[in-house]
PDB file of N, CA and C in Angstrom:
ATOM      1  N   UNK A   1    -119.395 121.491  58.720  1.00  0.00           N
ATOM      2  CA  UNK A   1    -119.327 122.730  58.099  1.00  0.00           C
ATOM      3  C   UNK A   1    -120.896 123.493  58.167  1.00  0.00           C
ATOM      4  N   UNK A   2    -121.908 123.058  58.823  1.00  0.00           N
ATOM      5  CA  UNK A   2    -123.075 123.544  58.819  1.00  0.00           C
ATOM      6  C   UNK A   2    -122.650 124.539  60.181  1.00  0.00           C
ATOM      7  N   UNK A   3    -121.917 124.558  61.077  1.00  0.00           N
ATOM      8  CA  UNK A   3    -121.467 125.312  62.163  1.00  0.00           C
ATOM      9  C   UNK A   3    -120.945 126.675  61.404  1.00  0.00           C
ATOM     10  N   UNK A   4    -119.811 126.269  60.545  1.00  0.00           N
ATOM     11  CA  UNK A   4    -119.100 127.533  60.251  1.00  0.00           C
ATOM     12  C   UNK A   4    -119.930 128.273  59.086  1.00  0.00           C
ATOM     13  N   UNK A   5    -121.014 128.016  58.640  1.00  0.00           N
ATOM     14  CA  UNK A   5    -122.324 128.732  57.849  1.00  0.00           C
ATOM     15  C   UNK A   5    -122.735 129.486  58.888  1.00  0.00           C
ATOM     16  N   UNK A   6    -123.388 129.163  59.965  1.00  0.00           N
ATOM     17  CA  UNK A   6    -123.910 129.743  61.150  1.00  0.00           C
ATOM     18  C   UNK A   6    -123.437 130.731  61.464  1.00  0.00           C
ATOM     19  N   UNK A   7    -121.742 130.283  61.940  1.00  0.00           N
ATOM     20  CA  UNK A   7    -121.161 131.468  62.212  1.00  0.00           C
ATOM     21  C   UNK A   7    -120.716 132.722  61.585  1.00  0.00           C
ATOM     22  N   UNK A   8    -120.484 132.248  60.160  1.00  0.00           N
ATOM     23  CA  UNK A   8    -120.246 133.173  59.158  1.00  0.00           C
ATOM     24  C   UNK A   8    -121.484 134.133  58.966  1.00  0.00           C
ATOM     25  N   UNK A   9    -122.618 133.641  59.211  1.00  0.00           N
ATOM     26  CA  UNK A   9    -123.763 134.660  58.812  1.00  0.00           C
ATOM     27  C   UNK A   9    -124.121 135.497  60.270  1.00  0.00           C
ATOM     28  N   UNK A  10    -123.626 134.847  61.299  1.00  0.00           N
ATOM     29  CA  UNK A  10    -123.618 135.965  62.409  1.00  0.00           C
ATOM     30  C   UNK A  10    -122.866 136.902  62.433  1.00  0.00           C
ATOM     31  N   UNK A  11    -121.740 136.737  61.887  1.00  0.00           N
ATOM     32  CA  UNK A  11    -120.590 137.864  61.519  1.00  0.00           C
ATOM     33  C   UNK A  11    -120.978 138.972  60.900  1.00  0.00           C
ATOM     34  N   UNK A  12    -121.686 138.494  59.751  1.00  0.00           N
ATOM     35  CA  UNK A  12    -122.019 139.269  58.554  1.00  0.00           C
ATOM     36  C   UNK A  12    -123.265 139.998  59.081  1.00  0.00           C
ATOM     37  N   UNK A  13    -124.060 139.618  59.874  1.00  0.00           N
ATOM     38  CA  UNK A  13    -125.188 140.060  60.430  1.00  0.00           C
ATOM     39  C   UNK A  13    -124.838 141.171  61.352  1.00  0.00           C
ATOM     40  N   UNK A  14    -123.903 140.898  62.450  1.00  0.00           N
ATOM     41  CA  UNK A  14    -123.395 141.871  63.065  1.00  0.00           C
ATOM     42  C   UNK A  14    -122.390 142.918  62.459  1.00  0.00           C
ATOM     43  N   UNK A  15    -121.692 142.540  61.582  1.00  0.00           N
ATOM     44  CA  UNK A  15    -120.982 143.587  60.703  1.00  0.00           C
ATOM     45  C   UNK A  15    -122.139 144.376  59.791  1.00  0.00           C
ATOM     46  N   UNK A  16    -122.850 144.186  59.505  1.00  0.00           N
ATOM     47  CA  UNK A  16    -124.348 144.611  58.527  1.00  0.00           C
ATOM     48  C   UNK A  16    -124.848 145.849  59.681  1.00  0.00           C
ATOM     49  N   UNK A  17    -125.396 145.294  60.772  1.00  0.00           N
ATOM     50  CA  UNK A  17    -126.035 146.017  61.723  1.00  0.00           C
ATOM     51  C   UNK A  17    -124.976 147.315  62.444  1.00  0.00           C
ATOM     52  N   UNK A  18    -123.771 146.873  62.275  1.00  0.00           N
ATOM     53  CA  UNK A  18    -123.054 147.824  62.953  1.00  0.00           C
ATOM     54  C   UNK A  18    -122.708 149.057  61.923  1.00  0.00           C
ATOM     55  N   UNK A  19    -122.600 148.530  60.619  1.00  0.00           N
ATOM     56  CA  UNK A  19    -122.352 149.608  59.391  1.00  0.00           C
ATOM     57  C   UNK A  19    -123.434 150.603  59.586  1.00  0.00           C
ATOM     58  N   UNK A  20    -124.735 150.177  59.514  1.00  0.00           N
ATOM     59  CA  UNK A  20    -126.054 150.694  59.449  1.00  0.00           C
ATOM     60  C   UNK A  20    -126.047 151.625  60.557  1.00  0.00           C
ATOM     61  N   UNK A  21    -125.945 151.137  61.535  1.00  0.00           N
ATOM     62  CA  UNK A  21    -125.967 151.995  63.063  1.00  0.00           C
ATOM     63  C   UNK A  21    -125.013 153.154  62.912  1.00  0.00           C
ATOM     64  N   UNK A  22    -123.804 152.797  62.267  1.00  0.00           N
ATOM     65  CA  UNK A  22    -122.596 153.931  62.215  1.00  0.00           C
ATOM     66  C   UNK A  22    -123.098 154.936  60.966  1.00  0.00           C
ATOM     67  N   UNK A  23    -123.511 154.390  60.113  1.00  0.00           N
ATOM     68  CA  UNK A  23    -124.059 155.528  59.036  1.00  0.00           C
ATOM     69  C   UNK A  23    -125.388 156.372  59.762  1.00  0.00           C
ATOM     70  N   UNK A  24    -126.166 155.756  60.329  1.00  0.00           N
ATOM     71  CA  UNK A  24    -127.214 156.690  61.083  1.00  0.00           C
ATOM     72  C   UNK A  24    -127.059 157.506  61.832  1.00  0.00           C
ATOM     73  N   UNK A  25    -125.791 157.434  62.731  1.00  0.00           N
ATOM     74  CA  UNK A  25    -125.299 158.049  63.905  1.00  0.00           C
ATOM     75  C   UNK A  25    -124.718 159.127  62.855  1.00  0.00           C
ATOM     76  N   UNK A  26    -123.757 158.890  61.994  1.00  0.00           N
ATOM     77  CA  UNK A  26    -123.175 160.090  61.265  1.00  0.00           C
ATOM     78  C   UNK A  26    -124.091 160.874  60.374  1.00  0.00           C
ATOM     79  N   UNK A  27    -125.154 160.258  59.986  1.00  0.00           N
ATOM     80  CA  UNK A  27    -126.097 161.059  59.181  1.00  0.00           C
ATOM     81  C   UNK A  27    -126.638 162.103  60.230  1.00  0.00           C
ATOM     82  N   UNK A  28    -127.138 161.636  61.549  1.00  0.00           N
ATOM     83  CA  UNK A  28    -127.717 162.527  62.521  1.00  0.00           C
ATOM     84  C   UNK A  28    -126.823 163.539  62.760  1.00  0.00           C
ATOM     85  N   UNK A  29    -125.790 163.360  63.056  1.00  0.00           N
ATOM     86  CA  UNK A  29    -124.831 164.316  63.425  1.00  0.00           C
ATOM     87  C   UNK A  29    -124.477 165.521  62.321  1.00  0.00           C
ATOM     88  N   UNK A  30    -124.735 164.901  61.136  1.00  0.00           N
ATOM     89  CA  UNK A  30    -124.560 165.926  60.138  1.00  0.00           C
ATOM     90  C   UNK A  30    -125.789 166.612  59.793  1.00  0.00           C
ATOM     91  N   UNK A  31    -126.897 166.179  60.102  1.00  0.00           N
ATOM     92  CA  UNK A  31    -127.938 166.901  60.109  1.00  0.00           C
ATOM     93  C   UNK A  31    -127.959 168.135  61.240  1.00  0.00           C
ATOM     94  N   UNK A  32    -127.636 167.533  62.334  1.00  0.00           N
ATOM     95  CA  UNK A  32    -127.199 168.278  63.937  1.00  0.00           C
ATOM     96  C   UNK A  32    -126.385 169.572  63.242  1.00  0.00           C
ATOM     97  N   UNK A  33    -125.319 169.347  62.769  1.00  0.00           N
ATOM     98  CA  UNK A  33    -124.342 170.546  62.096  1.00  0.00           C
ATOM     99  C   UNK A  33    -124.710 171.261  61.216  1.00  0.00           C
ATOM    100  N   UNK A  34    -125.453 170.789  60.279  1.00  0.00           N
ATOM    101  CA  UNK A  34    -126.438 171.630  59.210  1.00  0.00           C
ATOM    102  C   UNK A  34    -127.263 172.574  59.799  1.00  0.00           C
ATOM    103  N   UNK A  35    -128.200 172.146  61.124  1.00  0.00           N
ATOM    104  CA  UNK A  35    -129.348 172.689  61.554  1.00  0.00           C
ATOM    105  C   UNK A  35    -128.467 173.987  62.333  1.00  0.00           C
ATOM    106  N   UNK A  36    -127.024 173.685  63.163  1.00  0.00           N
ATOM    107  CA  UNK A  36    -126.801 174.784  63.644  1.00  0.00           C
ATOM    108  C   UNK A  36    -126.093 175.888  62.724  1.00  0.00           C
ATOM    109  N   UNK A  37    -125.476 175.343  61.893  1.00  0.00           N
ATOM    110  CA  UNK A  37    -125.081 176.408  60.848  1.00  0.00           C
ATOM    111  C   UNK A  37    -126.079 177.178  60.340  1.00  0.00           C
ATOM    112  N   UNK A  38    -127.368 176.899  59.993  1.00  0.00           N
ATOM    113  CA  UNK A  38    -128.418 177.571  59.241  1.00  0.00           C
ATOM    114  C   UNK A  38    -128.794 178.406  60.425  1.00  0.00           C
ATOM    115  N   UNK A  39    -128.936 178.002  61.731  1.00  0.00           N
ATOM    116  CA  UNK A  39    -129.432 178.715  62.412  1.00  0.00           C
ATOM    117  C   UNK A  39    -128.670 179.809  63.036  1.00  0.00           C
ATOM    118  N   UNK A  40    -127.211 179.595  62.785  1.00  0.00           N
ATOM    119  CA  UNK A  40    -126.283 180.583  63.198  1.00  0.00           C
ATOM    120  C   UNK A  40    -126.145 181.766  61.960  1.00  0.00           C
ATOM    121  N   UNK A  41    -126.012 181.376  60.545  1.00  0.00           N
ATOM    122  CA  UNK A  41    -126.149 182.459  59.786  1.00  0.00           C
ATOM    123  C   UNK A  41    -127.527 183.000  59.187  1.00  0.00           C
ATOM    124  N   UNK A  42    -128.338 182.274  59.565  1.00  0.00           N
ATOM    125  CA  UNK A  42    -129.925 182.556  59.101  1.00  0.00           C
ATOM    126  C   UNK A  42    -131.174 182.406  60.147  1.00  0.00           C
ATOM    127  N   UNK A  43    -130.881 183.378  61.474  1.00  0.00           N
ATOM    128  CA  UNK A  43    -131.693 183.005  62.711  1.00  0.00           C
ATOM    129  C   UNK A  43    -132.871 183.054  62.416  1.00  0.00           C
ATOM    130  N   UNK A  44    -133.986 182.656  62.883  1.00  0.00           N
ATOM    131  CA  UNK A  44    -135.292 182.565  62.674  1.00  0.00           C
ATOM    132  C   UNK A  44    -135.610 184.153  63.483  1.00  0.00           C
ATOM    133  N   UNK A  45    -136.304 184.745  62.701  1.00  0.00           N
ATOM    134  CA  UNK A  45    -136.938 186.201  63.382  1.00  0.00           C
ATOM    135  C   UNK A  45    -138.234 185.720  64.280  1.00  0.00           C
ATOM    136  N   UNK A  46    -138.097 186.538  65.325  1.00  0.00           N
ATOM    137  CA  UNK A  46    -139.368 186.421  66.071  1.00  0.00           C
ATOM    138  C   UNK A  46    -140.765 186.997  65.425  1.00  0.00           C
ATOM    139  N   UNK A  47    -141.698 186.460  65.473  1.00  0.00           N
ATOM    140  CA  UNK A  47    -142.784 186.920  64.723  1.00  0.00           C
ATOM    141  C   UNK A  47    -143.625 188.187  65.403  1.00  0.00           C
ATOM    142  N   UNK A  48    -143.759 188.948  64.677  1.00  0.00           N
ATOM    143  CA  UNK A  48    -144.248 190.473  64.858  1.00  0.00           C
ATOM    144  C   UNK A  48    -145.786 190.200  65.603  1.00  0.00           C
ATOM    145  N   UNK A  49    -145.781 190.937  66.740  1.00  0.00           N
ATOM    146  CA  UNK A  49    -147.375 190.879  67.176  1.00  0.00           C
ATOM    147  C   UNK A  49    -147.846 191.896  66.399  1.00  0.00           C
ATOM    148  N   UNK A  50    -149.217 191.730  65.699  1.00  0.00           N
ATOM    149  CA  UNK A  50    -149.700 192.880  64.977  1.00  0.00           C
ATOM    150  C   UNK A  50    -150.490 194.063  66.455  1.00  0.00           C
ATOM    151  N   UNK A  51    -150.685 194.919  66.053  1.00  0.00           N
ATOM    152  CA  UNK A  51    -150.933 196.095  66.933  1.00  0.00           C
ATOM    153  C   UNK A  51    -152.193 196.006  66.516  1.00  0.00           C
ATOM    154  N   UNK A  52    -152.958 195.966  67.491  1.00  0.00           N
ATOM    155  CA  UNK A  52    -154.666 196.225  67.403  1.00  0.00           C
ATOM    156  C   UNK A  52    -154.966 197.347  67.798  1.00  0.00           C
ATOM    157  N   UNK A  53    -156.391 197.762  67.488  1.00  0.00           N
ATOM    158  CA  UNK A  53    -156.979 198.918  67.968  1.00  0.00           C
ATOM    159  C   UNK A  53    -157.065 198.971  69.682  1.00  0.00           C
ATOM    160  N   UNK A  54    -157.257 199.965  70.264  1.00  0.00           N
ATOM    161  CA  UNK A  54    -157.429 199.551  71.475  1.00  0.00           C
ATOM    162  C   UNK A  54    -158.468 198.683  72.204  1.00  0.00           C
ATOM    163  N   UNK A  55    -159.620 199.036  71.538  1.00  0.00           N
ATOM    164  CA  UNK A  55    -160.869 198.296  72.293  1.00  0.00           C
ATOM    165  C   UNK A  55    -161.127 196.624  71.373  1.00  0.00           C
ATOM    166  N   UNK A  56    -160.121 196.948  70.464  1.00  0.00           N
ATOM    167  CA  UNK A  56    -160.368 195.453  69.520  1.00  0.00           C
ATOM    168  C   UNK A  56    -161.687 195.456  68.626  1.00  0.00           C
ATOM    169  N   UNK A  57    -161.922 196.501  68.391  1.00  0.00           N
ATOM    170  CA  UNK A  57    -163.342 196.516  67.610  1.00  0.00           C
ATOM    171  C   UNK A  57    -163.418 196.020  66.377  1.00  0.00           C
ATOM    172  N   UNK A  58    -162.138 196.015  65.573  1.00  0.00           N
ATOM    173  CA  UNK A  58    -162.240 195.426  64.307  1.00  0.00           C
ATOM    174  C   UNK A  58    -162.422 194.009  64.681  1.00  0.00           C
ATOM    175  N   UNK A  59    -161.723 193.146  65.472  1.00  0.00           N
ATOM    176  CA  UNK A  59    -161.792 191.831  65.634  1.00  0.00           C
ATOM    177  C   UNK A  59    -163.416 191.257  65.900  1.00  0.00           C
ATOM    178  N   UNK A  60    -164.048 192.189  66.880  1.00  0.00           N
ATOM    179  CA  UNK A  60    -165.202 192.064  67.467  1.00  0.00           C
ATOM    180  C   UNK A  60    -166.144 192.149  66.194  1.00  0.00           C
ATOM    181  N   UNK A  61    -165.765 193.285  64.964  1.00  0.00           N
ATOM    182  CA  UNK A  61    -166.779 193.130  64.149  1.00  0.00           C
ATOM    183  C   UNK A  61    -166.751 192.057  63.296  1.00  0.00           C
ATOM    184  N   UNK A  62    -165.694 191.706  63.023  1.00  0.00           N
ATOM    185  CA  UNK A  62    -165.412 190.440  62.069  1.00  0.00           C
ATOM    186  C   UNK A  62    -166.281 189.236  62.916  1.00  0.00           C
ATOM    187  N   UNK A  63    -166.022 189.067  64.249  1.00  0.00           N
ATOM    188  CA  UNK A  63    -166.624 187.652  64.710  1.00  0.00           C
ATOM    189  C   UNK A  63    -168.107 187.921  65.015  1.00  0.00           C
ATOM    190  N   UNK A  64    -168.852 189.318  65.157  1.00  0.00           N
ATOM    191  CA  UNK A  64    -170.171 189.493  64.849  1.00  0.00           C
ATOM    192  C   UNK A  64    -170.672 189.359  63.543  1.00  0.00           C
ATOM    193  N   UNK A  65    -170.183 189.680  62.718  1.00  0.00           N
ATOM    194  CA  UNK A  65    -170.385 189.465  61.171  1.00  0.00           C
ATOM    195  C   UNK A  65    -170.622 187.945  60.961  1.00  0.00           C
ATOM    196  N   UNK A  66    -169.533 186.946  61.092  1.00  0.00           N
ATOM    197  CA  UNK A  66    -169.300 185.669  60.769  1.00  0.00           C
ATOM    198  C   UNK A  66    -170.631 185.072  61.770  1.00  0.00           C
ATOM    199  N   UNK A  67    -170.742 185.470  62.776  1.00  0.00           N
ATOM    200  CA  UNK A  67    -172.042 184.656  63.635  1.00  0.00           C
ATOM    201  C   UNK A  67    -173.254 185.024  63.145  1.00  0.00           C
ATOM    202  N   UNK A  68    -173.311 186.363  62.733  1.00  0.00           N
ATOM    203  CA  UNK A  68    -174.607 186.700  61.905  1.00  0.00           C
ATOM    204  C   UNK A  68    -174.662 186.060  60.693  1.00  0.00           C
ATOM    205  N   UNK A  69    -173.756 185.804  59.988  1.00  0.00           N
ATOM    206  CA  UNK A  69    -173.952 185.134  58.483  1.00  0.00           C
ATOM    207  C   UNK A  69    -174.195 183.519  58.931  1.00  0.00           C
ATOM    208  N   UNK A  70    -173.371 182.945  59.684  1.00  0.00           N
ATOM    209  CA  UNK A  70    -173.729 181.517  60.087  1.00  0.00           C
ATOM    210  C   UNK A  70    -175.272 181.333  60.834  1.00  0.00           C
ATOM    211  N   UNK A  71    -175.534 182.514  61.624  1.00  0.00           N
ATOM    212  CA  UNK A  71    -177.024 182.019  61.996  1.00  0.00           C
ATOM    213  C   UNK A  71    -178.043 182.357  60.692  1.00  0.00           C
ATOM    214  N   UNK A  72    -177.733 183.367  59.969  1.00  0.00           N
ATOM    215  CA  UNK A  72    -178.943 183.574  58.897  1.00  0.00           C
ATOM    216  C   UNK A  72    -178.803 182.423  57.861  1.00  0.00           C
ATOM    217  N   UNK A  73    -177.646 181.786  57.759  1.00  0.00           N
ATOM    218  CA  UNK A  73    -177.595 180.754  56.520  1.00  0.00           C
ATOM    219  C   UNK A  73    -178.361 179.377  57.202  1.00  0.00           C
ATOM    220  N   UNK A  74    -177.964 179.138  58.666  1.00  0.00           N
ATOM    221  CA  UNK A  74    -178.724 178.214  59.236  1.00  0.00           C
ATOM    222  C   UNK A  74    -180.460 178.153  59.403  1.00  0.00           C
ATOM    223  N   UNK A  75    -180.649 179.597  59.452  1.00  0.00           N
ATOM    224  CA  UNK A  75    -182.189 180.162  59.515  1.00  0.00           C
ATOM    225  C   UNK A  75    -183.093 179.586  57.941  1.00  0.00           C
ATOM    226  N   UNK A  76    -182.143 180.034  57.133  1.00  0.00           N
ATOM    227  CA  UNK A  76    -182.620 179.833  55.855  1.00  0.00           C
ATOM    228  C   UNK A  76    -182.488 178.511  55.303  1.00  0.00           C
ATOM    229  N   UNK A  77    -181.670 177.629  56.189  1.00  0.00           N
ATOM    230  CA  UNK A  77    -181.355 176.339  55.338  1.00  0.00           C
ATOM    231  C   UNK A  77    -182.943 175.225  55.850  1.00  0.00           C
ATOM    232  N   UNK A  78    -183.206 175.756  56.967  1.00  0.00           N
ATOM    233  CA  UNK A  78    -184.038 174.932  57.866  1.00  0.00           C
ATOM    234  C   UNK A  78    -185.476 174.882  56.934  1.00  0.00           C
TER     235      UNK A  78
END
């Protein structure tokens, strides 16, 4: 009697694990198919690179202003 229960429990365990594995496998395939379809009809656009000034002076001015503000804050804090 006890051997039959152990054998049945092993059968149910293998059956349950197989069902879960198959479900996860199908789920992964559906998600991959969905990603393929979305990328086909709604492709991701390449990010546009902003055109900066030749010398990059705007960025340099912003960096200089930030450095000066932090230095002034630290000087007043002490």
